[in-house]
Amino acid sequence: MIDALNRAFARIYNVIPKQVLEAAFNPMQEDVSLDEVIKEKVLLARVRDDLSVRAGKLKRFMLTLDMCKYTSSPSPYALGVSGSYSTFLVPPEEREHRDIACILQLRFPYSINTSSTGSFYNSCSVKGNSLGNLACAALNAQTGGNVLTNPQGILHPGNIITLDPPAYAFVPWQCTVRLKYDDNFSGMDVTEIAPFTQLCEQAVKAYIYTNLIFDIETNLVYRGMDLGIIKDIVSGYSDANEKYDELIISCGGANVFDPQRLYNLLTRLVPSRNG
């Protein structure tokens, strides 16, 4: 397996002079290696979060009753309801022992008739055609009553998911998320590595520009070095943030070949036998 992090460092050291890197990151002051300070201040602080949201591994699981943390919060909509089934703690085994980067979708996993017209006809056929039943069914058909709506999932620290609006009855929602990369960016698909290394390069250049350009513009000598060549190099990084924003899109495009994501796309494109 190709080590994505090592490839990223190889590219950074090949295109950015070491003197410029040391001036920006100052590893001697941090008392750590240059690799470690670049990884901590740029690759983990910026690149990992952006990449995980855009191209992290897709994971789908059920929000089960075992994950639910029942909370005592009376419903403002129904008398006698004393608690909420809206807080879920996702265990490590459901997320491959990684943190969740973002929530993509919450949906009811089973095929049910949720159309308002369906509820009209089913209500009439089951309950009979009394005037009261017909009036209630007609009202539901126009207002969306009895239609199951998907709540919004909100992600909190500690891999906790809450539902908005709150649910006062338990529903086994199916949740689709993106997982966060670990500290070594392991498990990255081979098609993502090239854009990933370019992304890391531009992130480091953006950090260098932001942290050095003011000092360079206001001093003739920077940390004992002549500013001629270093000023030219750092000034050339002024567009690094724009290039970074363009490359993050490329990383998401490369992730289309991830087996799980490709499977999800193909199952949507190929019609089912029942359809």
Protein backbone atom coordinates (compact mmCIF):
# COMPACT_ATOMS: atom_id res chain seq x y z
CA MET A 1 0.00 0.00 0.00
CA ILE A 2 1.29 3.48 -0.88
CA ASP A 3 1.91 5.70 2.15
CA ALA A 4 0.03 8.91 1.30
CA LEU A 5 1.67 10.94 4.09
CA ASN A 6 5.21 10.05 2.99
CA ARG A 7 4.35 10.96 -0.59
CA ALA A 8 3.02 14.31 0.60
CA PHE A 9 6.23 15.08 2.54
CA ALA A 10 8.34 14.04 -0.46
CA ARG A 11 6.50 16.52 -2.66
CA ILE A 12 6.71 19.33 -0.08
CA TYR A 13 10.49 18.93 0.29
CA ASN A 14 10.98 18.66 -3.46
CA VAL A 15 9.24 21.94 -4.33
CA ILE A 16 9.78 24.16 -1.25
CA PRO A 17 13.33 25.05 -0.13
CA LYS A 18 14.15 23.71 3.32
CA GLN A 19 15.37 27.15 4.46
CA VAL A 20 11.94 28.62 3.74
CA LEU A 21 10.21 25.78 5.59
CA GLU A 22 12.45 26.24 8.63
CA ALA A 23 11.87 30.00 8.62
CA ALA A 24 8.10 29.54 8.60
CA PHE A 25 7.74 26.56 10.98
CA ASN A 26 10.79 27.12 13.22
CA PRO A 27 11.15 23.50 14.40
CA MET A 28 14.05 24.39 16.74
CA GLN A 29 11.74 26.58 18.81
CA GLU A 30 9.09 23.86 18.88
CA ASP A 31 11.77 21.28 19.80
CA VAL A 32 10.34 18.77 17.33
CA SER A 33 11.27 17.62 13.84
CA LEU A 34 10.28 19.65 10.80
CA ASP A 35 8.04 16.78 9.70
CA GLU A 36 6.13 16.84 12.96
CA VAL A 37 5.53 20.58 13.06
CA ILE A 38 4.33 20.64 9.42
CA LYS A 39 2.05 17.71 10.11
CA GLU A 40 0.62 19.30 13.27
CA LYS A 41 0.15 22.87 12.04
CA VAL A 42 -0.98 22.24 8.47
CA LEU A 43 -1.77 18.65 7.52
CA LEU A 44 -3.83 17.83 10.61
CA ALA A 45 -5.05 21.33 11.47
CA ARG A 46 -6.32 22.15 7.98
CA VAL A 47 -5.97 19.48 5.31
CA ARG A 48 -7.42 16.56 7.26
CA ASP A 49 -10.69 18.28 8.16
CA ASP A 50 -11.25 19.71 4.68
CA LEU A 51 -10.39 16.43 2.96
CA SER A 52 -12.51 14.32 5.32
CA VAL A 53 -15.63 16.40 4.65
CA ARG A 54 -15.04 16.37 0.90
CA ALA A 55 -13.65 12.89 0.30
CA GLY A 56 -13.77 10.90 3.54
CA LYS A 57 -14.90 7.29 3.46
CA LEU A 58 -18.66 6.79 3.24
CA LYS A 59 -20.21 4.80 6.05
CA ARG A 60 -23.85 3.82 6.55
CA PHE A 61 -25.33 2.51 9.79
CA MET A 62 -28.58 2.38 11.72
CA LEU A 63 -29.30 4.62 14.68
CA THR A 64 -30.44 1.85 17.01
CA LEU A 65 -32.15 1.95 20.36
CA ASP A 66 -28.88 0.84 22.00
CA MET A 67 -27.19 4.02 20.77
CA CYS A 68 -30.06 6.25 21.90
CA LYS A 69 -29.61 8.33 25.04
CA TYR A 70 -33.12 8.95 26.30
CA THR A 71 -33.44 12.48 27.62
CA SER A 72 -36.11 13.87 29.92
CA SER A 73 -37.56 16.73 27.94
CA PRO A 74 -41.36 17.03 27.80
CA SER A 75 -42.81 17.41 24.34
CA PRO A 76 -44.34 20.82 23.59
CA TYR A 77 -46.63 19.12 21.06
CA ALA A 78 -48.14 16.16 22.96
CA LEU A 79 -49.38 15.92 26.53
CA GLY A 80 -48.04 12.99 28.54
CA VAL A 81 -44.81 12.60 26.52
CA SER A 82 -41.98 13.05 29.02
CA GLY A 83 -38.84 12.35 27.02
CA SER A 84 -37.03 12.54 23.71
CA TYR A 85 -35.39 9.89 21.50
CA SER A 86 -33.17 12.43 19.73
CA THR A 87 -29.63 11.88 21.03
CA PHE A 88 -27.45 9.04 19.75
CA LEU A 89 -23.90 8.10 20.74
CA VAL A 90 -22.32 6.23 17.81
CA PRO A 91 -20.00 3.47 19.12
CA PRO A 92 -16.49 2.97 17.65
CA GLU A 93 -17.33 -0.30 15.89
CA GLU A 94 -20.04 1.40 13.81
CA ARG A 95 -17.59 4.04 12.56
CA GLU A 96 -14.52 1.82 12.08
CA HIS A 97 -12.93 3.36 15.18
CA ARG A 98 -12.66 6.75 13.45
CA ASP A 99 -14.38 10.03 14.18
CA ILE A 100 -17.32 11.16 12.06
CA ALA A 101 -16.45 14.12 9.79
CA CYS A 102 -19.98 15.05 8.69
CA ILE A 103 -23.51 13.70 8.28
CA LEU A 104 -24.72 13.36 4.70
CA GLN A 105 -28.20 11.89 5.08
CA LEU A 106 -30.82 10.56 7.45
CA ARG A 107 -33.55 8.42 5.94
CA PHE A 108 -36.11 5.81 6.91
CA PRO A 109 -34.64 2.52 5.66
CA TYR A 110 -37.86 0.71 4.79
CA SER A 111 -40.23 1.12 1.87
CA ILE A 112 -43.48 2.57 3.11
CA ASN A 113 -46.31 4.49 1.51
CA THR A 114 -45.74 8.03 2.73
CA SER A 115 -47.67 9.93 0.07
CA SER A 116 -50.51 12.11 1.22
CA THR A 117 -52.86 10.67 -1.41
CA GLY A 118 -52.00 7.18 -0.25
CA SER A 119 -52.91 8.09 3.30
CA PHE A 120 -56.24 9.46 2.03
CA TYR A 121 -57.28 6.25 0.28
CA ASN A 122 -55.89 3.92 2.93
CA SER A 123 -57.62 5.85 5.69
CA CYS A 124 -60.95 5.65 3.93
CA SER A 125 -60.68 1.97 3.11
CA VAL A 126 -59.66 0.95 6.63
CA LYS A 127 -61.91 3.16 8.69
CA GLY A 128 -64.92 3.37 6.44
CA ASN A 129 -66.40 6.34 4.66
CA SER A 130 -67.92 8.20 7.56
CA LEU A 131 -68.11 11.97 7.23
CA GLY A 132 -65.59 12.51 10.03
CA ASN A 133 -63.06 10.05 8.59
CA LEU A 134 -63.35 11.55 5.12
CA ALA A 135 -62.83 15.05 6.51
CA CYS A 136 -59.69 14.01 8.45
CA ALA A 137 -58.27 12.12 5.49
CA ALA A 138 -58.89 15.06 3.16
CA LEU A 139 -57.18 17.41 5.62
CA ASN A 140 -54.14 15.12 5.93
CA ALA A 141 -53.94 14.80 2.14
CA GLN A 142 -53.68 18.59 1.77
CA THR A 143 -51.49 19.41 4.78
CA GLY A 144 -49.09 16.46 4.71
CA GLY A 145 -50.43 14.98 7.92
CA ASN A 146 -49.36 11.38 8.58
CA VAL A 147 -46.36 11.84 6.23
CA LEU A 148 -43.04 10.68 7.69
CA THR A 149 -40.52 13.50 7.40
CA ASN A 150 -36.78 13.08 7.73
CA PRO A 151 -35.16 15.09 10.54
CA GLN A 152 -31.85 16.86 10.19
CA GLY A 153 -28.88 15.19 11.85
CA ILE A 154 -26.57 17.47 13.85
CA LEU A 155 -23.06 16.25 14.68
CA HIS A 156 -21.55 17.09 18.08
CA PRO A 157 -18.09 16.43 19.58
CA GLY A 158 -17.65 12.87 20.77
CA ASN A 159 -19.49 11.39 17.75
CA ILE A 160 -22.88 12.32 19.16
CA ILE A 161 -25.76 12.83 16.72
CA THR A 162 -28.91 14.73 17.63
CA LEU A 163 -32.11 15.02 15.62
CA ASP A 164 -33.77 18.30 14.72
CA PRO A 165 -36.68 18.56 15.26
CA PRO A 166 -36.56 16.27 18.33
CA ALA A 167 -38.23 12.85 18.11
CA TYR A 168 -40.61 11.85 20.89
CA ALA A 169 -40.98 8.28 19.63
CA PHE A 170 -38.11 6.02 18.61
CA VAL A 171 -37.52 5.61 14.87
CA PRO A 172 -34.61 3.48 13.52
CA TRP A 173 -33.13 6.02 11.12
CA GLN A 174 -30.47 5.02 8.62
CA CYS A 175 -27.54 7.44 8.79
CA THR A 176 -24.94 8.06 6.06
CA VAL A 177 -21.76 9.85 7.14
CA ARG A 178 -18.22 10.58 6.03
CA LEU A 179 -15.47 9.31 8.31
CA LYS A 180 -12.52 11.42 9.35
CA TYR A 181 -9.02 10.38 8.28
CA ASP A 182 -6.66 9.27 11.04
CA ASP A 183 -3.37 11.04 11.83
CA ASN A 184 -1.55 9.14 9.07
CA PHE A 185 -4.26 9.48 6.38
CA SER A 186 -4.36 5.69 6.13
CA GLY A 187 -6.82 3.87 3.90
CA MET A 188 -6.73 6.50 1.17
CA ASP A 189 -7.65 5.25 -2.30
CA VAL A 190 -4.72 5.21 -4.69
CA THR A 191 -6.53 7.57 -7.10
CA GLU A 192 -6.63 10.25 -4.39
CA ILE A 193 -2.92 10.28 -3.57
CA ALA A 194 -1.72 12.55 -6.42
CA PRO A 195 -4.27 15.33 -5.76
CA PHE A 196 -3.73 14.85 -2.02
CA THR A 197 0.01 15.54 -2.30
CA GLN A 198 -0.68 18.66 -4.38
CA LEU A 199 -3.25 19.78 -1.80
CA CYS A 200 -0.68 19.41 1.00
CA GLU A 201 1.86 21.39 -1.02
CA GLN A 202 -0.52 24.33 -1.51
CA ALA A 203 -1.62 24.22 2.14
CA VAL A 204 2.00 24.49 3.29
CA LYS A 205 2.67 27.33 0.82
CA ALA A 206 -0.41 29.19 2.09
CA TYR A 207 0.81 28.79 5.67
CA ILE A 208 4.27 30.08 4.72
CA TYR A 209 2.84 33.11 2.92
CA THR A 210 0.46 34.02 5.74
CA ASN A 211 3.10 33.72 8.45
CA LEU A 212 6.11 35.27 6.69
CA ILE A 213 4.92 37.91 4.24
CA PHE A 214 4.36 40.68 6.80
CA ASP A 215 7.73 40.20 8.49
CA ILE A 216 9.49 40.03 5.14
CA GLU A 217 7.85 43.21 3.85
CA THR A 218 8.79 45.17 6.99
CA ASN A 219 12.40 43.97 7.42
CA LEU A 220 15.52 44.00 5.29
CA VAL A 221 16.96 40.95 7.03
CA TYR A 222 14.92 38.03 8.28
CA ARG A 223 16.47 35.79 10.96
CA GLY A 224 19.96 36.49 9.69
CA MET A 225 19.13 35.76 6.03
CA ASP A 226 19.19 38.16 3.10
CA LEU A 227 15.65 38.81 1.95
CA GLY A 228 16.27 38.87 -1.80
CA ILE A 229 15.66 35.23 -2.73
CA ILE A 230 13.38 34.33 0.21
CA LYS A 231 11.14 37.33 -0.51
CA ASP A 232 10.76 36.27 -4.16
CA ILE A 233 9.90 32.71 -3.15
CA VAL A 234 7.35 33.63 -0.48
CA SER A 235 5.71 36.30 -2.66
CA GLY A 236 5.16 33.59 -5.28
CA TYR A 237 2.89 31.76 -2.81
CA SER A 238 0.28 34.55 -2.75
CA ASP A 239 -2.24 32.47 -4.74
CA ALA A 240 -1.75 29.26 -2.74
CA ASN A 241 -5.12 29.52 -0.98
CA GLU A 242 -6.97 29.79 -4.31
CA LYS A 243 -5.12 26.78 -5.69
CA TYR A 244 -5.92 24.90 -2.50
CA ASP A 245 -9.65 25.56 -2.93
CA GLU A 246 -9.49 24.26 -6.52
CA LEU A 247 -7.56 21.14 -5.52
CA ILE A 248 -9.96 20.17 -2.74
CA ILE A 249 -12.59 19.74 -5.45
CA SER A 250 -10.21 17.52 -7.43
CA CYS A 251 -9.72 15.32 -4.37
CA GLY A 252 -13.47 14.82 -4.14
CA GLY A 253 -13.59 13.91 -7.82
CA ALA A 254 -10.84 11.35 -7.43
CA ASN A 255 -12.77 9.78 -4.58
CA VAL A 256 -15.49 8.72 -7.02
CA PHE A 257 -13.48 5.55 -7.63
CA ASP A 258 -13.68 4.54 -3.98
CA PRO A 259 -15.40 1.10 -4.11
CA GLN A 260 -18.19 2.00 -1.68
CA ARG A 261 -18.95 5.32 -3.37
CA LEU A 262 -18.82 3.72 -6.82
CA TYR A 263 -21.24 1.02 -5.63
CA ASN A 264 -23.67 3.68 -4.37
CA LEU A 265 -23.54 5.54 -7.70
CA LEU A 266 -24.02 2.42 -9.79
CA THR A 267 -26.97 1.17 -7.74
CA ARG A 268 -28.71 4.49 -8.43
CA LEU A 269 -27.94 4.41 -12.16
CA VAL A 270 -28.91 0.77 -12.82
CA PRO A 271 -32.70 0.23 -12.65
CA SER A 272 -33.91 -2.46 -10.28
CA ARG A 273 -35.74 -5.53 -11.56
CA ASN A 274 -38.80 -4.53 -9.62
CA GLY A 275 -38.84 -1.06 -11.14
